Structure formats: structure tokens, C-alpha cells
Amino acid sequence: MKKRKIKAKFQLKFYKNQYRFNWTPYFIKRKLRWKDKFETPRCETEPYFRFEWLWFGIYGMWGDDQYWEQWLWIYEYNQGDIKKAKESWPWTSMETKESTWVDY
């Protein structure tokens, strides 16, 4: 069985920083931060970058918490097997009692 990779959606936002003025360009890049809690992954920080200069800024982010928790479940807990990961996904909705798995 061929294993396919799932890709996160990329979000890009432009903003004007009214409280901070930077003569020198400011750039920060963060990696995925996560922890293992009750034998399931928890996303702490999504991967993102931020660039600010003068009053303007650009913010780019890949995916959201749900996406990265599923990604970790597939690649860290199920060795890249998406079908196995979907079947063993432990989270369910409290209202519907159905799995919260999202096919990206």
C-alpha cells in the first residue's frame, strides 16, 4: 500500500502594527511544538513565521491544531499509515458520539 502525505493549508495575513515601530526588520520563525498527553498528541504551537518592518507585518501559518494533531497521530503514532490512524483515532464528538477525524 502506497502511503500518501497530507499537506496543511497555508494562511497568509497582512497587518498594520499600531503599537510598535521597527526601523530594523524583525523576523521570527517557529517550528511545530507538541506534547504527549494521555497517550495522544497535543499541538502547542503551529509552525508559523512573522515579519515586521516599520508599521507593517506579514504573518504566515500552516494548518491548525486539529490538522497537526492528526498529522502527529499519523506519522508519530502510526508510522505513516493513514488508514490505520483513521481507524485508531481516539477522539469523538460529545454531541454525536462520532469520530472527529477530518480528511484533509
N, C-alpha and C. Protein backbone atom coordinates (compact mmCIF):
# COMPACT_ATOMS: atom_id res chain seq x y z
N MET A 1 0.83 -1.18 0.00
CA MET A 1 0.00 0.00 0.00
C MET A 1 0.88 1.25 0.00
N LYS A 2 0.64 2.16 -0.92
CA LYS A 2 1.42 3.38 -1.02
C LYS A 2 0.90 4.39 0.01
N LYS A 3 1.83 4.96 0.78
CA LYS A 3 1.46 5.93 1.78
C LYS A 3 1.53 7.32 1.18
N ARG A 4 0.46 8.07 1.29
CA ARG A 4 0.45 9.43 0.76
C ARG A 4 0.66 10.43 1.89
N LYS A 5 1.20 11.56 1.53
CA LYS A 5 1.41 12.61 2.53
C LYS A 5 0.25 13.58 2.50
N ILE A 6 -0.12 14.08 3.66
CA ILE A 6 -1.14 15.11 3.72
C ILE A 6 -0.44 16.45 3.90
N LYS A 7 -1.02 17.51 3.31
CA LYS A 7 -0.40 18.83 3.35
C LYS A 7 -1.33 19.82 4.04
N ALA A 8 -0.74 20.67 4.84
CA ALA A 8 -1.50 21.70 5.54
C ALA A 8 -1.83 22.86 4.62
N LYS A 9 -2.95 23.51 4.88
CA LYS A 9 -3.29 24.72 4.16
C LYS A 9 -2.47 25.86 4.72
N PHE A 10 -2.05 26.75 3.84
CA PHE A 10 -1.22 27.87 4.23
C PHE A 10 -2.08 29.12 4.33
N GLN A 11 -1.95 29.86 5.43
CA GLN A 11 -2.69 31.11 5.61
C GLN A 11 -1.68 32.25 5.68
N LEU A 12 -1.96 33.32 4.98
CA LEU A 12 -1.08 34.48 4.97
C LEU A 12 -1.92 35.71 5.32
N LYS A 13 -1.48 36.47 6.32
CA LYS A 13 -2.22 37.66 6.75
C LYS A 13 -1.27 38.86 6.76
N PHE A 14 -1.77 39.97 6.29
CA PHE A 14 -1.04 41.23 6.35
C PHE A 14 -1.70 42.09 7.41
N TYR A 15 -0.91 42.81 8.18
CA TYR A 15 -1.48 43.64 9.23
C TYR A 15 -0.64 44.89 9.43
N LYS A 16 -1.24 45.87 10.09
CA LYS A 16 -0.55 47.10 10.43
C LYS A 16 -0.38 47.13 11.94
N ASN A 17 0.86 47.23 12.39
CA ASN A 17 1.17 47.24 13.81
C ASN A 17 1.12 48.68 14.31
N GLN A 18 0.10 49.03 15.08
CA GLN A 18 -0.08 50.39 15.55
C GLN A 18 0.73 50.70 16.81
N TYR A 19 1.18 49.67 17.50
CA TYR A 19 1.82 49.87 18.80
C TYR A 19 3.34 49.73 18.75
N ARG A 20 3.89 49.31 17.63
CA ARG A 20 5.32 49.05 17.58
C ARG A 20 5.89 49.52 16.25
N PHE A 21 6.93 50.31 16.33
CA PHE A 21 7.60 50.81 15.14
C PHE A 21 9.00 50.20 15.10
N ASN A 22 9.38 49.55 13.99
CA ASN A 22 10.68 48.91 13.85
C ASN A 22 11.45 49.54 12.70
N TRP A 23 12.59 50.16 13.01
CA TRP A 23 13.47 50.62 11.94
C TRP A 23 14.16 49.45 11.28
N THR A 24 14.53 48.47 12.08
CA THR A 24 15.19 47.29 11.53
C THR A 24 14.15 46.18 11.32
N PRO A 25 14.26 45.44 10.25
CA PRO A 25 13.31 44.34 10.02
C PRO A 25 13.38 43.29 11.13
N TYR A 26 12.24 42.76 11.49
CA TYR A 26 12.12 41.76 12.55
C TYR A 26 11.52 40.49 11.93
N PHE A 27 12.19 39.37 12.11
CA PHE A 27 11.70 38.10 11.55
C PHE A 27 11.79 37.02 12.61
N ILE A 28 10.72 36.24 12.73
CA ILE A 28 10.71 35.11 13.66
C ILE A 28 10.04 33.93 12.97
N LYS A 29 10.59 32.76 13.20
CA LYS A 29 10.05 31.53 12.61
C LYS A 29 9.94 30.50 13.73
N ARG A 30 8.79 29.87 13.85
CA ARG A 30 8.56 28.87 14.88
C ARG A 30 8.28 27.51 14.25
N LYS A 31 8.77 26.48 14.90
CA LYS A 31 8.50 25.11 14.47
C LYS A 31 7.29 24.57 15.22
N LEU A 32 6.85 23.41 14.80
CA LEU A 32 5.75 22.73 15.47
C LEU A 32 6.19 22.35 16.89
N ARG A 33 5.38 22.72 17.86
CA ARG A 33 5.63 22.33 19.25
C ARG A 33 4.45 21.49 19.70
N TRP A 34 4.77 20.35 20.29
CA TRP A 34 3.70 19.45 20.72
C TRP A 34 4.13 18.67 21.94
N LYS A 35 3.14 18.06 22.59
CA LYS A 35 3.40 17.22 23.75
C LYS A 35 2.52 15.98 23.68
N ASP A 36 2.90 14.99 24.43
CA ASP A 36 2.13 13.75 24.52
C ASP A 36 1.35 13.79 25.84
N LYS A 37 0.02 13.72 25.75
CA LYS A 37 -0.82 13.78 26.94
C LYS A 37 -1.86 12.68 26.84
N PHE A 38 -1.91 11.82 27.82
CA PHE A 38 -2.82 10.67 27.84
C PHE A 38 -2.65 9.81 26.59
N GLU A 39 -1.40 9.63 26.16
CA GLU A 39 -1.03 8.80 25.02
C GLU A 39 -1.62 9.28 23.69
N THR A 40 -1.89 10.58 23.60
CA THR A 40 -2.32 11.20 22.34
C THR A 40 -1.57 12.52 22.18
N PRO A 41 -1.39 12.99 20.95
CA PRO A 41 -0.64 14.24 20.74
C PRO A 41 -1.49 15.48 21.01
N ARG A 42 -0.84 16.51 21.50
CA ARG A 42 -1.47 17.82 21.69
C ARG A 42 -0.58 18.86 21.01
N CYS A 43 -1.16 19.64 20.14
CA CYS A 43 -0.43 20.69 19.45
C CYS A 43 -0.35 21.91 20.37
N GLU A 44 0.85 22.37 20.64
CA GLU A 44 1.06 23.57 21.46
C GLU A 44 1.16 24.81 20.59
N THR A 45 1.95 24.75 19.52
CA THR A 45 2.14 25.88 18.60
C THR A 45 2.27 25.36 17.18
N GLU A 46 1.46 25.91 16.28
CA GLU A 46 1.57 25.55 14.87
C GLU A 46 2.81 26.21 14.28
N PRO A 47 3.38 25.62 13.21
CA PRO A 47 4.50 26.28 12.55
C PRO A 47 4.04 27.60 11.92
N TYR A 48 4.82 28.65 12.13
CA TYR A 48 4.47 29.94 11.55
C TYR A 48 5.71 30.81 11.39
N PHE A 49 5.54 31.89 10.64
CA PHE A 49 6.59 32.91 10.56
C PHE A 49 5.92 34.28 10.66
N ARG A 50 6.71 35.24 11.11
CA ARG A 50 6.21 36.61 11.22
C ARG A 50 7.34 37.57 10.82
N PHE A 51 7.01 38.53 9.99
CA PHE A 51 7.96 39.53 9.55
C PHE A 51 7.35 40.89 9.78
N GLU A 52 8.08 41.80 10.46
CA GLU A 52 7.62 43.15 10.71
C GLU A 52 8.70 44.14 10.31
N TRP A 53 8.25 45.23 9.73
CA TRP A 53 9.15 46.31 9.39
C TRP A 53 8.34 47.59 9.34
N LEU A 54 8.87 48.64 9.92
CA LEU A 54 8.17 49.90 10.11
C LEU A 54 6.87 49.63 10.86
N TRP A 55 5.70 49.90 10.27
CA TRP A 55 4.44 49.60 10.95
C TRP A 55 3.73 48.38 10.38
N PHE A 56 4.33 47.74 9.41
CA PHE A 56 3.62 46.69 8.69
C PHE A 56 4.15 45.31 9.05
N GLY A 57 3.29 44.32 8.94
CA GLY A 57 3.70 42.97 9.25
C GLY A 57 3.03 41.95 8.35
N ILE A 58 3.68 40.81 8.23
CA ILE A 58 3.16 39.65 7.49
C ILE A 58 3.23 38.46 8.43
N TYR A 59 2.14 37.70 8.49
CA TYR A 59 2.06 36.53 9.35
C TYR A 59 1.63 35.34 8.51
N GLY A 60 2.41 34.27 8.51
CA GLY A 60 2.08 33.07 7.75
C GLY A 60 2.00 31.86 8.66
N MET A 61 0.96 31.05 8.49
CA MET A 61 0.76 29.90 9.36
C MET A 61 0.32 28.70 8.53
N TRP A 62 0.80 27.52 8.92
CA TRP A 62 0.44 26.28 8.24
C TRP A 62 -0.49 25.49 9.13
N GLY A 63 -1.70 25.21 8.68
CA GLY A 63 -2.64 24.35 9.39
C GLY A 63 -3.19 24.94 10.68
N ASP A 64 -3.88 24.10 11.45
CA ASP A 64 -4.42 24.48 12.75
C ASP A 64 -4.19 23.33 13.73
N ASP A 65 -4.67 23.46 14.95
CA ASP A 65 -4.45 22.42 15.97
C ASP A 65 -4.95 21.05 15.52
N GLN A 66 -6.17 21.01 14.99
CA GLN A 66 -6.76 19.75 14.56
C GLN A 66 -5.89 19.07 13.50
N TYR A 67 -5.45 19.85 12.51
CA TYR A 67 -4.62 19.31 11.44
C TYR A 67 -3.33 18.71 12.00
N TRP A 68 -2.62 19.46 12.85
CA TRP A 68 -1.33 19.00 13.35
C TRP A 68 -1.46 17.83 14.31
N GLU A 69 -2.54 17.78 15.09
CA GLU A 69 -2.75 16.61 15.96
C GLU A 69 -2.99 15.36 15.13
N GLN A 70 -3.74 15.49 14.05
CA GLN A 70 -3.94 14.34 13.15
C GLN A 70 -2.63 13.97 12.46
N TRP A 71 -1.87 14.96 12.03
CA TRP A 71 -0.59 14.69 11.38
C TRP A 71 0.33 13.94 12.32
N LEU A 72 0.42 14.37 13.57
CA LEU A 72 1.24 13.68 14.57
C LEU A 72 0.73 12.26 14.81
N TRP A 73 -0.60 12.11 14.85
CA TRP A 73 -1.18 10.79 15.08
C TRP A 73 -0.80 9.84 13.94
N ILE A 74 -0.79 10.34 12.72
CA ILE A 74 -0.43 9.52 11.57
C ILE A 74 1.05 9.18 11.57
N TYR A 75 1.91 10.19 11.67
CA TYR A 75 3.34 9.99 11.43
C TYR A 75 4.16 9.64 12.68
N GLU A 76 3.69 9.99 13.87
CA GLU A 76 4.44 9.66 15.08
C GLU A 76 3.89 8.41 15.78
N TYR A 77 2.59 8.18 15.67
CA TYR A 77 1.97 7.08 16.40
C TYR A 77 1.62 5.88 15.53
N ASN A 78 1.45 6.10 14.21
CA ASN A 78 1.02 5.02 13.32
C ASN A 78 1.96 4.81 12.13
N GLN A 79 3.18 5.26 12.23
CA GLN A 79 4.23 5.04 11.23
C GLN A 79 3.82 5.42 9.81
N GLY A 80 3.01 6.46 9.66
CA GLY A 80 2.63 6.96 8.34
C GLY A 80 1.47 6.25 7.69
N ASP A 81 0.83 5.31 8.35
CA ASP A 81 -0.30 4.58 7.78
C ASP A 81 -1.60 5.34 8.07
N ILE A 82 -2.12 6.03 7.05
CA ILE A 82 -3.30 6.88 7.24
C ILE A 82 -4.55 6.06 7.57
N LYS A 83 -4.71 4.92 6.91
CA LYS A 83 -5.89 4.09 7.16
C LYS A 83 -5.90 3.58 8.61
N LYS A 84 -4.77 3.10 9.07
CA LYS A 84 -4.66 2.63 10.46
C LYS A 84 -4.89 3.76 11.45
N ALA A 85 -4.34 4.95 11.13
CA ALA A 85 -4.50 6.11 12.01
C ALA A 85 -5.97 6.53 12.10
N LYS A 86 -6.67 6.53 10.98
CA LYS A 86 -8.08 6.91 10.97
C LYS A 86 -8.92 5.94 11.81
N GLU A 87 -8.63 4.66 11.71
CA GLU A 87 -9.37 3.66 12.48
C GLU A 87 -9.09 3.74 13.98
N SER A 88 -7.87 4.15 14.34
CA SER A 88 -7.50 4.17 15.76
C SER A 88 -7.59 5.56 16.39
N TRP A 89 -8.08 6.56 15.65
CA TRP A 89 -8.21 7.92 16.18
C TRP A 89 -9.10 7.92 17.42
N PRO A 90 -8.59 8.37 18.58
CA PRO A 90 -9.33 8.20 19.84
C PRO A 90 -10.39 9.26 20.14
N TRP A 91 -10.42 10.36 19.42
CA TRP A 91 -11.32 11.45 19.78
C TRP A 91 -12.68 11.34 19.12
N THR A 92 -13.73 11.59 19.91
CA THR A 92 -15.11 11.58 19.40
C THR A 92 -15.81 12.85 19.86
N SER A 93 -16.84 13.23 19.12
CA SER A 93 -17.65 14.39 19.47
C SER A 93 -18.58 14.03 20.63
N MET A 94 -18.74 14.93 21.56
CA MET A 94 -19.62 14.65 22.71
C MET A 94 -21.08 14.63 22.30
N GLU A 95 -21.47 15.45 21.31
CA GLU A 95 -22.87 15.51 20.89
C GLU A 95 -23.26 14.32 20.03
N THR A 96 -22.44 14.03 19.01
CA THR A 96 -22.81 12.99 18.04
C THR A 96 -22.20 11.62 18.35
N LYS A 97 -21.22 11.58 19.23
CA LYS A 97 -20.51 10.33 19.59
C LYS A 97 -19.79 9.71 18.39
N GLU A 98 -19.50 10.54 17.36
CA GLU A 98 -18.78 10.07 16.19
C GLU A 98 -17.36 10.60 16.20
N SER A 99 -16.50 9.98 15.44
CA SER A 99 -15.09 10.37 15.38
C SER A 99 -14.95 11.81 14.86
N THR A 100 -13.97 12.52 15.38
CA THR A 100 -13.72 13.90 14.94
C THR A 100 -12.69 13.97 13.82
N TRP A 101 -12.37 12.84 13.22
CA TRP A 101 -11.37 12.77 12.15
C TRP A 101 -11.83 13.61 10.96
N VAL A 102 -10.92 14.39 10.39
CA VAL A 102 -11.19 15.21 9.21
C VAL A 102 -10.24 14.73 8.11
N ASP A 103 -10.79 14.43 6.92
CA ASP A 103 -9.95 14.03 5.78
C ASP A 103 -9.42 15.28 5.09
N TYR A 104 -8.15 15.54 5.23
CA TYR A 104 -7.52 16.72 4.61
C TYR A 104 -7.08 16.40 3.21
